[in-house]
N, C-alpha and C. Protein backbone atom coordinates (compact mmCIF):
# COMPACT_ATOMS: atom_id res chain seq x y z
N MET A 1 11.68 -48.64 0.49
CA MET A 1 12.45 -48.24 -0.74
C MET A 1 14.38 -48.78 0.36
N SER A 2 15.32 -49.26 -0.26
CA SER A 2 15.70 -49.12 0.02
C SER A 2 16.79 -47.64 -0.66
N GLU A 3 18.17 -47.31 0.50
CA GLU A 3 17.98 -45.53 0.39
C GLU A 3 19.03 -46.17 -0.66
N LYS A 4 19.40 -47.65 -1.59
CA LYS A 4 20.14 -46.54 -2.91
C LYS A 4 19.49 -46.73 -4.24
N VAL A 5 17.63 -47.47 -3.55
CA VAL A 5 16.48 -46.93 -4.76
C VAL A 5 15.84 -45.91 -5.16
N LEU A 6 16.14 -45.29 -3.41
CA LEU A 6 16.10 -44.05 -3.07
C LEU A 6 16.85 -42.64 -3.51
N ASN A 7 18.12 -43.33 -3.52
CA ASN A 7 19.50 -42.14 -4.44
C ASN A 7 19.68 -42.15 -5.77
N ALA A 8 18.29 -43.34 -5.80
CA ALA A 8 18.81 -43.19 -7.91
C ALA A 8 17.71 -43.11 -8.96
N LEU A 9 16.22 -42.61 -7.39
CA LEU A 9 15.70 -41.62 -7.63
C LEU A 9 15.72 -40.48 -7.41
N ASP A 10 16.34 -39.94 -6.67
CA ASP A 10 16.64 -38.33 -6.15
C ASP A 10 17.09 -38.09 -7.52
N GLU A 11 18.10 -38.86 -8.39
CA GLU A 11 19.64 -38.97 -9.02
C GLU A 11 18.87 -38.31 -10.87
N LYS A 12 17.47 -39.30 -10.78
CA LYS A 12 16.83 -39.54 -11.64
C LYS A 12 16.12 -38.04 -11.22
N LEU A 13 15.88 -37.47 -10.31
CA LEU A 13 14.65 -35.92 -10.67
C LEU A 13 15.58 -34.88 -10.61
N VAL A 14 16.57 -35.14 -10.00
CA VAL A 14 17.58 -34.30 -10.28
C VAL A 14 17.77 -33.69 -11.92
N GLU A 15 18.50 -35.18 -12.39
CA GLU A 15 19.21 -34.37 -13.89
C GLU A 15 17.40 -34.07 -14.59
N GLN A 16 16.47 -34.65 -14.65
CA GLN A 16 14.96 -33.70 -15.15
C GLN A 16 14.77 -32.92 -14.36
N THR A 17 15.46 -32.57 -13.55
CA THR A 17 14.67 -30.80 -13.79
C THR A 17 16.05 -29.99 -13.83
N GLU A 18 16.88 -30.62 -13.58
CA GLU A 18 18.25 -29.64 -14.46
C GLU A 18 17.92 -29.68 -16.17
N GLU A 19 17.26 -31.21 -17.43
CA GLU A 19 16.49 -30.67 -18.25
C GLU A 19 15.87 -29.59 -17.96
N ALA A 20 14.77 -29.64 -17.85
CA ALA A 20 13.70 -29.11 -17.78
C ALA A 20 14.25 -27.36 -17.68
N VAL A 21 15.63 -27.03 -16.90
CA VAL A 21 15.72 -25.80 -16.65
C VAL A 21 16.47 -25.38 -17.63
N ARG A 22 17.70 -26.08 -18.04
CA ARG A 22 18.27 -25.31 -20.07
C ARG A 22 16.67 -25.21 -21.04
N TYR A 23 16.98 -26.68 -20.58
CA TYR A 23 15.06 -26.35 -22.04
C TYR A 23 14.06 -24.78 -21.05
N ASN A 24 13.83 -25.39 -20.04
CA ASN A 24 13.13 -23.71 -19.95
C ASN A 24 13.72 -22.60 -20.07
N ILE A 25 15.28 -22.29 -20.19
CA ILE A 25 16.04 -21.56 -20.21
C ILE A 25 15.23 -20.41 -22.09
N ARG A 26 16.53 -21.73 -22.64
CA ARG A 26 15.64 -21.61 -24.25
C ARG A 26 14.73 -21.01 -24.67
N HIS A 27 13.69 -21.36 -24.51
CA HIS A 27 12.00 -21.43 -24.36
C HIS A 27 12.07 -20.19 -24.32
N TYR A 28 12.57 -19.11 -22.69
CA TYR A 28 11.60 -18.14 -22.07
C TYR A 28 12.57 -16.95 -22.92
N LEU A 29 14.02 -17.87 -23.82
CA LEU A 29 14.99 -16.57 -24.34
C LEU A 29 14.21 -16.73 -25.80
N ILE A 30 13.68 -17.24 -26.27
CA ILE A 30 12.83 -17.48 -27.66
C ILE A 30 11.40 -16.70 -27.21
N LEU A 31 10.53 -16.70 -26.54
CA LEU A 31 9.54 -15.76 -26.57
C LEU A 31 9.56 -14.48 -26.40
N ARG A 32 11.11 -14.05 -25.84
CA ARG A 32 10.95 -12.78 -25.34
C ARG A 32 11.91 -12.13 -26.71
N ASN A 33 12.65 -13.34 -27.69
CA ASN A 33 13.54 -12.79 -28.66
C ASN A 33 13.98 -11.97 -28.22
N ALA A 34 15.57 -12.75 -27.69
CA ALA A 34 16.80 -13.15 -27.01
C ALA A 34 17.14 -13.24 -26.24
N THR A 35 18.25 -13.18 -26.29
CA THR A 35 19.47 -14.03 -27.31
C THR A 35 20.51 -14.60 -25.44
N GLN A 36 21.38 -15.67 -25.74
CA GLN A 36 21.92 -15.75 -24.20
C GLN A 36 23.15 -14.47 -24.19
N GLY A 37 23.60 -13.95 -25.23
CA GLY A 37 24.21 -12.54 -24.60
C GLY A 37 23.45 -11.22 -24.41
N ASP A 38 22.22 -12.24 -24.19
CA ASP A 38 21.43 -10.45 -23.82
C ASP A 38 21.50 -11.28 -21.97
N LEU A 39 20.71 -12.33 -22.10
CA LEU A 39 20.97 -13.05 -20.70
C LEU A 39 22.75 -13.07 -20.30
N ALA A 40 22.78 -13.13 -19.95
CA ALA A 40 24.71 -12.94 -19.66
C ALA A 40 25.04 -11.24 -19.67
N ASP A 41 24.13 -10.01 -20.10
CA ASP A 41 24.58 -8.82 -20.07
C ASP A 41 23.76 -8.66 -19.22
N ALA A 42 22.66 -9.03 -18.47
CA ALA A 42 21.88 -9.16 -17.66
C ALA A 42 22.24 -9.52 -16.40
N LEU A 43 23.41 -10.21 -16.22
CA LEU A 43 23.75 -11.14 -15.26
C LEU A 43 25.03 -11.18 -15.07
N HIS A 44 25.72 -10.36 -16.38
CA HIS A 44 26.92 -9.89 -15.47
C HIS A 44 28.05 -11.12 -15.53
N VAL A 45 27.31 -12.16 -16.81
CA VAL A 45 28.45 -13.28 -17.01
C VAL A 45 28.57 -13.80 -17.98
N THR A 46 29.78 -14.32 -18.35
CA THR A 46 29.94 -14.09 -20.07
C THR A 46 29.21 -14.92 -20.94
N LYS A 47 29.28 -14.84 -22.22
CA LYS A 47 28.37 -15.44 -23.14
C LYS A 47 28.59 -17.01 -22.48
N GLY A 48 29.82 -17.40 -22.69
CA GLY A 48 30.96 -18.40 -22.71
C GLY A 48 29.42 -19.23 -20.93
N ALA A 49 29.50 -18.45 -20.16
CA ALA A 49 29.24 -19.39 -18.74
C ALA A 49 27.65 -19.57 -19.20
N ILE A 50 26.42 -18.69 -19.60
CA ILE A 50 25.35 -18.99 -20.51
C ILE A 50 25.50 -20.69 -21.27
N SER A 51 26.93 -20.33 -22.15
CA SER A 51 26.60 -21.22 -23.06
C SER A 51 26.47 -23.00 -22.03
N GLN A 52 27.79 -22.20 -21.53
CA GLN A 52 28.00 -23.70 -20.20
C GLN A 52 26.69 -24.57 -19.32
N ILE A 53 26.20 -23.21 -19.17
CA ILE A 53 24.90 -23.69 -18.03
C ILE A 53 23.53 -24.32 -18.85
N LEU A 54 23.84 -23.65 -20.54
CA LEU A 54 22.55 -24.06 -21.63
C LEU A 54 23.17 -26.07 -22.09
N SER A 55 24.48 -25.86 -21.65
CA SER A 55 25.22 -27.20 -22.20
C SER A 55 24.18 -28.26 -21.38
N GLY A 56 24.59 -27.97 -19.89
CA GLY A 56 24.80 -28.62 -18.46
C GLY A 56 26.76 -28.38 -18.04
N SER A 57 27.15 -27.83 -19.09
CA SER A 57 29.26 -28.73 -18.29
C SER A 57 29.08 -28.11 -16.73
N THR A 58 28.56 -27.38 -17.06
CA THR A 58 28.22 -26.77 -15.35
C THR A 58 27.30 -26.79 -14.68
N CYS A 59 27.39 -26.41 -13.41
CA CYS A 59 26.24 -27.04 -12.92
C CYS A 59 25.31 -25.31 -12.05
N LEU A 60 24.47 -25.59 -12.06
CA LEU A 60 23.42 -24.58 -11.90
C LEU A 60 23.32 -23.98 -10.74
N LYS A 61 23.98 -22.89 -9.86
CA LYS A 61 24.00 -22.98 -8.81
C LYS A 61 22.18 -22.43 -9.19
N LEU A 62 21.71 -22.49 -7.67
CA LEU A 62 20.34 -21.90 -7.15
C LEU A 62 20.60 -20.41 -7.00
N ARG A 63 21.12 -19.78 -6.84
CA ARG A 63 21.46 -18.26 -6.68
C ARG A 63 21.15 -18.07 -8.35
N HIS A 64 21.64 -18.30 -8.94
CA HIS A 64 21.94 -17.90 -10.58
C HIS A 64 20.60 -18.20 -11.21
N ALA A 65 20.08 -19.89 -10.54
CA ALA A 65 18.59 -19.96 -11.32
C ALA A 65 17.68 -18.90 -10.58
N CYS A 66 17.43 -18.04 -9.30
CA CYS A 66 16.89 -17.70 -9.22
C CYS A 66 17.17 -16.17 -10.67
N LEU A 67 18.41 -15.18 -10.08
CA LEU A 67 18.55 -14.19 -11.19
C LEU A 67 18.20 -14.87 -12.98
N ILE A 68 18.26 -15.67 -13.57
CA ILE A 68 17.97 -15.77 -15.02
C ILE A 68 16.36 -15.96 -14.75
N ALA A 69 15.67 -16.36 -13.64
CA ALA A 69 14.16 -15.91 -13.51
C ALA A 69 13.71 -14.55 -13.89
N GLN A 70 14.56 -14.29 -13.09
CA GLN A 70 14.15 -12.49 -12.94
C GLN A 70 14.41 -12.51 -14.05
N ALA A 71 15.97 -12.38 -15.14
CA ALA A 71 15.94 -11.17 -15.70
C ALA A 71 15.26 -12.50 -16.83
N LEU A 72 14.57 -13.15 -16.75
CA LEU A 72 13.48 -13.42 -17.60
C LEU A 72 11.69 -13.87 -17.63
N GLY A 73 11.52 -12.28 -16.88
CA GLY A 73 10.32 -11.85 -15.89
C GLY A 73 9.55 -13.16 -15.83
N ILE A 74 9.87 -13.77 -15.19
CA ILE A 74 9.71 -15.44 -15.26
C ILE A 74 9.14 -15.99 -13.55
N SER A 75 8.65 -16.83 -12.83
CA SER A 75 9.05 -17.11 -11.30
C SER A 75 10.07 -18.88 -11.65
N LEU A 76 10.42 -18.78 -10.21
CA LEU A 76 11.32 -20.09 -10.67
C LEU A 76 11.17 -21.52 -10.69
N SER A 77 9.68 -21.01 -9.85
CA SER A 77 8.70 -22.40 -10.24
C SER A 77 8.86 -22.66 -11.86
N ASP A 78 8.00 -21.72 -12.37
CA ASP A 78 7.84 -21.42 -14.25
C ASP A 78 9.42 -21.84 -14.60
N LEU A 79 10.76 -21.91 -13.83
CA LEU A 79 11.71 -22.36 -14.20
C LEU A 79 11.57 -23.94 -14.43
N THR A 80 11.58 -23.77 -13.53
CA THR A 80 11.59 -25.85 -12.64
C THR A 80 10.45 -26.39 -13.61
N ASP A 81 9.94 -25.81 -14.43
CA ASP A 81 8.09 -26.86 -14.62
C ASP A 81 8.92 -27.56 -16.37
N PRO A 82 8.54 -28.59 -16.21
CA PRO A 82 8.94 -29.52 -17.39
C PRO A 82 7.44 -29.47 -18.14
N LYS A 83 6.88 -28.80 -17.86
CA LYS A 83 5.48 -28.42 -18.37
C LYS A 83 6.15 -28.99 -20.65
N TYR A 84 7.56 -27.82 -21.51
CA TYR A 84 7.03 -27.06 -22.23
C TYR A 84 7.88 -28.35 -22.31
N LEU A 85 8.97 -29.36 -22.09
CA LEU A 85 9.77 -29.91 -22.72
C LEU A 85 9.49 -31.45 -22.49
N LEU A 86 8.10 -31.50 -22.32
CA LEU A 86 7.45 -32.36 -21.68
C LEU A 86 6.66 -32.87 -23.38
N LYS A 87 6.20 -31.44 -23.56
CA LYS A 87 5.54 -30.84 -24.34
C LYS A 87 5.75 -31.84 -25.97
N ASP A 88 6.94 -31.22 -25.97
CA ASP A 88 8.18 -30.80 -27.11
C ASP A 88 8.52 -32.82 -28.04
N ARG A 89 8.92 -32.79 -26.49
CA ARG A 89 8.94 -34.69 -26.84
C ARG A 89 7.73 -35.30 -27.17
N GLU A 90 6.23 -34.69 -26.17
CA GLU A 90 5.55 -35.20 -26.90
C GLU A 90 4.89 -35.28 -28.29
N ASP A 91 5.29 -34.20 -29.30
CA ASP A 91 5.11 -33.54 -30.56
C ASP A 91 6.26 -34.74 -30.76
N THR A 92 7.52 -34.26 -30.90
CA THR A 92 8.39 -34.81 -31.54
C THR A 92 8.16 -36.22 -31.49
N ASP A 93 8.20 -37.05 -30.82
CA ASP A 93 7.38 -38.89 -30.27
C ASP A 93 6.57 -38.70 -31.59
N ARG A 94 5.18 -37.61 -32.02
CA ARG A 94 3.91 -38.13 -32.50
C ARG A 94 5.13 -37.24 -34.37
N MET A 95 5.68 -36.50 -34.00
CA MET A 95 6.50 -36.93 -35.90
C MET A 95 7.17 -37.65 -35.90
N LEU A 96 7.96 -38.26 -35.82
CA LEU A 96 8.45 -39.46 -35.48
C LEU A 96 8.11 -40.19 -36.10
N GLY A 97 6.66 -40.83 -35.00
CA GLY A 97 6.14 -42.16 -35.44
C GLY A 97 5.07 -41.69 -36.83
N LYS A 98 4.37 -40.81 -37.18
CA LYS A 98 4.20 -40.82 -38.29
C LYS A 98 5.08 -40.92 -39.37
N ARG A 99 6.11 -40.70 -39.31
CA ARG A 99 7.26 -40.46 -40.00
C ARG A 99 7.51 -42.29 -40.60
N GLN A 100 7.10 -42.77 -39.32
CA GLN A 100 7.84 -44.32 -39.49
C GLN A 100 6.49 -45.16 -39.78
N GLU A 101 5.21 -44.32 -40.46
CA GLU A 101 4.14 -45.19 -40.08
C GLU A 101 4.47 -45.19 -42.13
N ARG A 102 5.11 -44.44 -42.46
CA ARG A 102 4.87 -43.67 -44.15
C ARG A 102 5.40 -45.40 -44.83
């Protein structure tokens, strides 16, 4: 493969992982009945900083990802795992497919 193709694949993987991390932060906050404010307090950052991370408007540093995982009581692997995001997409696609069939 050409370097250009590999770079495009790498970029796509990075984007997918970042999306999974943002999704999982929300997912685990809900499971723990916690808010973005609770997470901000645990990390000693502002709610705005958490909002920027979740919106993707700021780049999440590995250090912060580790701290977020620790605050949520999960591993870094759990934080980056796309399984919940993919399951949610499958469920959404299935529901939309059923609506379109009607």
